[in-house]
């Protein structure tokens, strides 16, 4: 190992072109951490928000973007007993994934599922941690319930559709093109709603209402989501592409016994993330290892082309996950 590594840094707040290759010192593992030699790093919406100056990393996190990666463990911090040098893992990161090496808590690492490559494994942590904690821990999705996933062709959406279907829910999804809707159905959605042609509120009401809705749009979708819910339904909010502020009539929540909740992943404590990892290890990793579910891959870019990867993501033309190839 050399003393420096290639990395992609955010030179200033702005568009994709502000992402530039640089040299950084190798990270050192702190207590309870490991250092991973990164083979692939996932590209996610929070990376673009951070690049645009709208999502500052936590004070103790790397300023480099990148919230998930897969590769080989090359260094262990004090107190790490559950992993060994040479283990192939995928990991949720506090930041720093757009680099040849990254440090992260050992408890946030999971083994590469059986039969899966590092490229595919790099697409798992951010989306699976997010979906598991919001849909199943917070949202309490149960078998047989009607589950509406907005943005069904996104990384989060493709994950939520597959997990919901695999665990027995009736899954519905929204997307913006017929091709994306077809992809959602292929993944297990009972029906996919092209929001440019149809009103998801009407569709869900005809089904008896959604028991649970996973939304990352926000804005005008929030009151419409409440209309689309069944009695005692739950709305789980994980992002706000249309903005976080909207007027809501809370009498609707009271009379129909609705629940609104949500969370963001990055600010949660290391312990909270470790608990999510354990839930995934027990309930989801067997599904991945058996091939019943898996990441949907859109495209791969070299680390030096991180700007092009961001442009691809922000074009909203992708279906599934985008990755950066960092090393062989």
Protein backbone atom coordinates (compact mmCIF):
# COMPACT_ATOMS: atom_id res chain seq x y z
CA UNK A 1 0.00 0.00 0.00
CA UNK A 2 1.24 3.47 -0.89
CA UNK A 3 0.77 6.53 1.32
CA UNK A 4 -1.70 8.21 -1.03
CA UNK A 5 -4.68 7.13 -3.10
CA UNK A 6 -6.77 8.35 -5.98
CA UNK A 7 -10.08 9.86 -4.99
CA UNK A 8 -12.83 12.04 -6.41
CA UNK A 9 -13.42 15.25 -4.49
CA UNK A 10 -16.06 17.96 -4.67
CA UNK A 11 -14.02 21.04 -5.61
CA UNK A 12 -16.93 23.41 -4.94
CA UNK A 13 -20.71 23.26 -4.81
CA UNK A 14 -22.16 22.87 -8.28
CA UNK A 15 -22.96 20.53 -11.14
CA UNK A 16 -21.32 17.23 -12.03
CA UNK A 17 -18.24 18.96 -13.47
CA UNK A 18 -17.08 20.00 -9.98
CA UNK A 19 -16.14 16.35 -9.32
CA UNK A 20 -12.40 16.03 -9.95
CA UNK A 21 -9.75 13.35 -9.43
CA UNK A 22 -7.28 14.15 -6.64
CA UNK A 23 -4.74 12.45 -4.38
CA UNK A 24 -5.56 11.92 -0.71
CA UNK A 25 -3.76 10.25 2.22
CA UNK A 26 -4.79 6.67 2.91
CA UNK A 27 -7.41 6.41 5.66
CA UNK A 28 -6.47 4.86 9.01
CA UNK A 29 -8.96 2.58 10.79
CA UNK A 30 -10.23 3.98 14.08
CA UNK A 31 -11.48 1.85 16.97
CA UNK A 32 -14.02 -0.63 15.61
CA UNK A 33 -13.34 0.28 11.98
CA UNK A 34 -11.88 -1.48 8.95
CA UNK A 35 -10.23 -0.11 5.83
CA UNK A 36 -11.55 -1.50 2.56
CA UNK A 37 -9.72 -1.51 -0.76
CA UNK A 38 -12.59 -0.38 -2.95
CA UNK A 39 -13.36 -2.32 -6.11
CA UNK A 40 -16.67 -0.59 -6.89
CA UNK A 41 -18.59 2.29 -5.33
CA UNK A 42 -22.31 2.93 -5.68
CA UNK A 43 -23.62 6.27 -6.93
CA UNK A 44 -26.68 7.65 -5.11
CA UNK A 45 -28.87 10.74 -4.97
CA UNK A 46 -27.38 11.91 -1.65
CA UNK A 47 -23.99 12.08 -3.40
CA UNK A 48 -25.44 14.53 -5.90
CA UNK A 49 -27.09 16.56 -3.14
CA UNK A 50 -23.76 16.77 -1.30
CA UNK A 51 -22.04 17.82 -4.52
CA UNK A 52 -24.63 20.57 -5.00
CA UNK A 53 -24.04 21.89 -1.48
CA UNK A 54 -27.42 20.72 -0.17
CA UNK A 55 -26.40 17.76 2.04
CA UNK A 56 -23.40 18.38 4.26
CA UNK A 57 -21.60 15.29 5.61
CA UNK A 58 -21.60 14.71 9.37
CA UNK A 59 -18.73 16.47 11.17
CA UNK A 60 -16.68 13.29 11.65
CA UNK A 61 -17.24 11.91 8.12
CA UNK A 62 -15.00 12.21 5.08
CA UNK A 63 -15.75 15.14 2.80
CA UNK A 64 -15.45 12.78 -0.18
CA UNK A 65 -18.75 11.55 -1.65
CA UNK A 66 -19.74 7.89 -1.67
CA UNK A 67 -22.02 6.09 0.80
CA UNK A 68 -21.55 2.47 -0.26
CA UNK A 69 -18.79 0.30 -1.69
CA UNK A 70 -17.58 -3.26 -2.07
CA UNK A 71 -14.05 -4.61 -1.93
CA UNK A 72 -11.47 -6.33 0.25
CA UNK A 73 -10.65 -5.64 3.91
CA UNK A 74 -6.99 -4.54 4.12
CA UNK A 75 -6.70 -3.13 7.66
CA UNK A 76 -8.40 -3.67 11.03
CA UNK A 77 -8.86 -1.18 13.83
CA UNK A 78 -8.64 -2.07 17.49
CA UNK A 79 -11.52 -4.19 18.72
CA UNK A 80 -12.46 -5.67 15.35
CA UNK A 81 -12.86 -9.42 15.71
CA UNK A 82 -15.68 -10.30 13.31
CA UNK A 83 -13.70 -9.55 10.12
CA UNK A 84 -10.26 -10.56 8.85
CA UNK A 85 -7.77 -9.21 6.35
CA UNK A 86 -8.78 -10.41 2.89
CA UNK A 87 -12.53 -10.68 3.57
CA UNK A 88 -14.71 -9.56 0.65
CA UNK A 89 -17.41 -7.25 1.94
CA UNK A 90 -19.88 -4.59 0.94
CA UNK A 91 -20.36 -1.74 3.36
CA UNK A 92 -22.46 1.24 4.27
CA UNK A 93 -20.11 4.22 4.51
CA UNK A 94 -20.22 7.55 6.37
CA UNK A 95 -18.67 9.02 3.21
CA UNK A 96 -15.49 8.57 1.22
CA UNK A 97 -16.55 5.82 -1.16
CA UNK A 98 -15.28 7.59 -4.29
CA UNK A 99 -11.71 6.56 -3.47
CA UNK A 100 -9.34 3.62 -3.71
CA UNK A 101 -9.55 3.01 0.05
CA UNK A 102 -12.20 3.87 2.63
CA UNK A 103 -12.66 3.42 6.39
CA UNK A 104 -15.98 2.41 7.89
CA UNK A 105 -17.29 0.71 11.05
CA UNK A 106 -16.86 -3.06 10.87
CA UNK A 107 -20.45 -3.44 12.09
CA UNK A 108 -21.66 -1.74 8.90
CA UNK A 109 -20.02 -4.36 6.67
CA UNK A 110 -21.84 -7.37 5.29
CA UNK A 111 -20.43 -10.33 3.36
CA UNK A 112 -20.73 -10.35 -0.40
CA UNK A 113 -23.77 -12.59 -1.02
CA UNK A 114 -23.04 -16.03 -2.43
CA UNK A 115 -22.71 -16.04 -6.20
CA UNK A 116 -22.59 -12.25 -6.46
CA UNK A 117 -19.74 -10.14 -7.82
CA UNK A 118 -18.26 -7.06 -6.19
CA UNK A 119 -19.89 -4.77 -8.74
CA UNK A 120 -23.35 -5.96 -7.82
CA UNK A 121 -22.55 -6.05 -4.10
CA UNK A 122 -21.50 -2.39 -4.18
CA UNK A 123 -25.11 -1.54 -5.07
CA UNK A 124 -26.61 -3.14 -1.98
CA UNK A 125 -25.85 -1.20 1.22
CA UNK A 126 -27.35 2.26 0.71
CA UNK A 127 -30.58 1.04 -0.84
CA UNK A 128 -31.08 -2.07 1.28
CA UNK A 129 -30.32 -0.30 4.57
CA UNK A 130 -32.74 2.48 3.56
CA UNK A 131 -35.55 0.21 2.41
CA UNK A 132 -35.29 -2.25 5.29
CA UNK A 133 -35.36 0.35 8.06
CA UNK A 134 -38.10 2.48 6.48
CA UNK A 135 -40.41 -0.08 4.92
CA UNK A 136 -40.17 -2.89 7.45
CA UNK A 137 -38.88 -1.39 10.72
CA UNK A 138 -40.69 1.94 10.60
CA UNK A 139 -43.46 1.17 8.11
CA UNK A 140 -44.23 -2.31 9.41
CA UNK A 141 -45.09 -3.78 6.01
CA UNK A 142 -46.85 -7.13 6.36
CA UNK A 143 -47.57 -9.95 3.93
CA UNK A 144 -50.79 -9.35 2.01
CA UNK A 145 -50.72 -5.58 2.40
CA UNK A 146 -50.93 -3.18 -0.55
CA UNK A 147 -47.59 -1.38 -0.90
CA UNK A 148 -47.11 1.61 -3.22
CA UNK A 149 -43.54 2.47 -4.23
CA UNK A 150 -42.94 5.84 -5.86
CA UNK A 151 -39.95 6.06 -8.19
CA UNK A 152 -40.15 2.35 -8.83
CA UNK A 153 -37.32 2.26 -11.38
CA UNK A 154 -34.78 3.97 -9.10
CA UNK A 155 -32.23 2.09 -7.00
CA UNK A 156 -34.48 2.46 -3.95
CA UNK A 157 -37.57 1.59 -5.97
CA UNK A 158 -36.22 -1.57 -7.56
CA UNK A 159 -35.05 -2.72 -4.13
CA UNK A 160 -38.39 -1.95 -2.45
CA UNK A 161 -40.40 -3.73 -5.16
CA UNK A 162 -38.36 -6.90 -4.90
CA UNK A 163 -38.26 -7.00 -1.10
CA UNK A 164 -41.95 -6.22 -0.77
CA UNK A 165 -42.90 -8.95 -3.22
CA UNK A 166 -40.46 -11.49 -1.75
CA UNK A 167 -41.93 -10.95 1.73
CA UNK A 168 -45.51 -11.35 0.58
CA UNK A 169 -46.87 -7.85 -0.04
CA UNK A 170 -48.95 -6.77 -3.04
CA UNK A 171 -46.68 -4.21 -4.68
CA UNK A 172 -47.66 -1.26 -6.87
CA UNK A 173 -45.25 1.29 -8.31
CA UNK A 174 -45.11 4.61 -10.12
CA UNK A 175 -42.65 5.54 -12.87
CA UNK A 176 -42.39 8.12 -15.65
CA UNK A 177 -42.17 6.02 -18.82
CA UNK A 178 -43.76 2.87 -20.17
CA UNK A 179 -40.33 1.20 -20.26
CA UNK A 180 -39.75 1.98 -16.60
CA UNK A 181 -43.23 0.73 -15.74
CA UNK A 182 -42.50 -2.51 -17.60
CA UNK A 183 -39.28 -2.90 -15.59
CA UNK A 184 -41.24 -2.48 -12.35
CA UNK A 185 -43.69 -5.21 -13.35
CA UNK A 186 -40.83 -7.50 -14.35
CA UNK A 187 -39.40 -7.07 -10.83
CA UNK A 188 -42.65 -8.13 -9.19
CA UNK A 189 -44.99 -5.13 -9.09
CA UNK A 190 -48.61 -6.17 -9.52
CA UNK A 191 -49.19 -2.96 -11.47
CA UNK A 192 -47.05 0.00 -12.48
CA UNK A 193 -48.61 3.44 -12.90
CA UNK A 194 -47.18 5.86 -15.47
CA UNK A 195 -47.68 9.08 -13.53
CA UNK A 196 -47.69 11.09 -16.77
CA UNK A 197 -50.81 9.26 -17.96
CA UNK A 198 -52.66 8.09 -14.83
CA UNK A 199 -53.42 9.31 -11.31
CA UNK A 200 -51.97 6.97 -8.70
CA UNK A 201 -54.62 8.16 -6.22
CA UNK A 202 -57.44 6.84 -8.41
CA UNK A 203 -55.60 3.57 -9.09
CA UNK A 204 -54.93 2.89 -5.42
CA UNK A 205 -58.44 3.89 -4.32
CA UNK A 206 -59.82 1.36 -6.80
CA UNK A 207 -57.68 -1.29 -5.05
CA UNK A 208 -58.97 -0.29 -1.61
CA UNK A 209 -56.14 2.13 -0.83
CA UNK A 210 -52.49 1.54 -0.04
CA UNK A 211 -51.63 0.19 3.39
CA UNK A 212 -48.11 1.62 3.04
CA UNK A 213 -46.57 4.17 0.69
CA UNK A 214 -42.83 4.75 0.28
CA UNK A 215 -42.23 8.22 -1.13
CA UNK A 216 -39.14 10.20 -2.10
CA UNK A 217 -40.94 12.87 -4.12
CA UNK A 218 -42.61 14.98 -1.44
CA UNK A 219 -44.13 18.33 -2.39
CA UNK A 220 -47.51 17.94 -4.08
CA UNK A 221 -47.31 14.16 -3.63
CA UNK A 222 -47.74 14.38 0.15
CA UNK A 223 -51.47 15.32 0.28
CA UNK A 224 -52.14 13.00 -2.67
CA UNK A 225 -50.41 10.16 -0.82
CA UNK A 226 -52.75 10.70 2.11
CA UNK A 227 -55.71 10.43 -0.25
CA UNK A 228 -54.30 7.20 -1.70
CA UNK A 229 -53.90 5.50 1.69
CA UNK A 230 -56.37 3.00 3.09
CA UNK A 231 -57.80 3.46 6.59
CA UNK A 232 -54.98 3.03 9.14
CA UNK A 233 -52.46 3.44 6.29
CA UNK A 234 -48.87 4.59 6.71
CA UNK A 235 -46.84 7.06 4.67
CA UNK A 236 -43.06 6.74 4.91
CA UNK A 237 -41.08 9.72 3.56
CA UNK A 238 -37.40 9.29 2.68
CA UNK A 239 -36.63 12.26 0.40
CA UNK A 240 -38.12 15.42 -1.11
CA UNK A 241 -37.41 15.80 -4.82
CA UNK A 242 -40.28 18.31 -5.00
CA UNK A 243 -39.51 19.94 -1.65
CA UNK A 244 -40.31 19.31 2.02
CA UNK A 245 -42.94 21.99 2.67
CA UNK A 246 -46.61 21.54 1.91
CA UNK A 247 -49.98 22.20 3.52
CA UNK A 248 -51.63 19.12 5.05
CA UNK A 249 -55.06 18.82 6.65
CA UNK A 250 -54.33 16.85 9.81
CA UNK A 251 -58.02 16.18 10.34
CA UNK A 252 -57.62 13.62 7.56
CA UNK A 253 -54.95 11.81 9.58
CA UNK A 254 -57.13 11.79 12.68
CA UNK A 255 -60.39 10.67 11.12
CA UNK A 256 -58.77 7.97 8.98
CA UNK A 257 -56.13 7.01 11.59
CA UNK A 258 -53.21 7.57 9.22
CA UNK A 259 -49.54 7.57 10.20
CA UNK A 260 -46.81 9.75 8.69
CA UNK A 261 -43.18 8.87 9.41
CA UNK A 262 -39.81 8.71 7.69
CA UNK A 263 -36.10 8.94 8.21
CA UNK A 264 -32.75 9.72 6.66
CA UNK A 265 -29.98 7.17 7.01
CA UNK A 266 -26.70 9.07 7.13
CA UNK A 267 -27.23 11.06 10.38
CA UNK A 268 -28.22 7.97 12.39
CA UNK A 269 -25.83 6.62 15.00
CA UNK A 270 -23.32 3.88 14.30
CA UNK A 271 -25.27 1.63 16.67
CA UNK A 272 -28.54 2.24 14.80
CA UNK A 273 -26.88 1.36 11.49
CA UNK A 274 -25.32 -1.75 13.03
CA UNK A 275 -28.78 -2.90 14.10
CA UNK A 276 -30.10 -2.39 10.57
CA UNK A 277 -27.16 -4.45 9.28
CA UNK A 278 -28.11 -7.29 11.61
CA UNK A 279 -31.69 -7.21 10.36
CA UNK A 280 -30.44 -7.41 6.79
CA UNK A 281 -28.06 -10.25 7.62
CA UNK A 282 -30.88 -12.29 9.12
CA UNK A 283 -33.81 -11.54 6.84
CA UNK A 284 -32.48 -10.26 3.50
CA UNK A 285 -29.03 -11.71 2.84
CA UNK A 286 -30.44 -15.26 2.48
CA UNK A 287 -32.76 -13.94 -0.24
CA UNK A 288 -29.82 -12.35 -2.05
CA UNK A 289 -27.65 -15.45 -1.72
CA UNK A 290 -30.44 -17.64 -3.09
CA UNK A 291 -30.93 -15.34 -6.10
CA UNK A 292 -34.56 -14.57 -5.26
CA UNK A 293 -33.76 -10.87 -5.29
CA UNK A 294 -30.81 -8.82 -6.50
CA UNK A 295 -29.65 -5.39 -7.60
CA UNK A 296 -30.80 -4.01 -10.94
CA UNK A 297 -27.74 -2.66 -12.78
CA UNK A 298 -27.98 0.38 -15.03
CA UNK A 299 -24.42 1.42 -15.90
CA UNK A 300 -20.77 1.44 -14.88
CA UNK A 301 -18.28 4.32 -15.11
CA UNK A 302 -14.57 4.55 -14.30
CA UNK A 303 -13.74 6.48 -11.12
CA UNK A 304 -12.33 9.33 -13.22
CA UNK A 305 -15.72 9.67 -14.95
CA UNK A 306 -17.70 10.29 -11.75
CA UNK A 307 -19.08 13.48 -13.33
CA UNK A 308 -20.60 11.45 -16.16
CA UNK A 309 -22.10 9.02 -13.63
CA UNK A 310 -23.76 11.93 -11.82
CA UNK A 311 -25.05 13.35 -15.09
CA UNK A 312 -26.54 9.95 -15.92
CA UNK A 313 -28.27 9.77 -12.55
CA UNK A 314 -29.62 13.31 -12.71
CA UNK A 315 -30.97 12.74 -16.23
CA UNK A 316 -33.45 10.30 -14.61
CA UNK A 317 -32.99 8.05 -17.62
CA UNK A 318 -31.50 5.22 -15.60
CA UNK A 319 -33.23 2.08 -14.37
CA UNK A 320 -31.59 0.67 -11.26
CA UNK A 321 -28.11 1.34 -9.97
CA UNK A 322 -25.06 3.21 -11.28
CA UNK A 323 -21.57 2.25 -10.10
CA UNK A 324 -18.02 3.54 -10.30
CA UNK A 325 -15.27 1.04 -11.03
CA UNK A 326 -12.43 1.99 -8.72
CA UNK A 327 -9.93 -0.88 -9.00
CA UNK A 328 -9.62 -4.44 -10.30
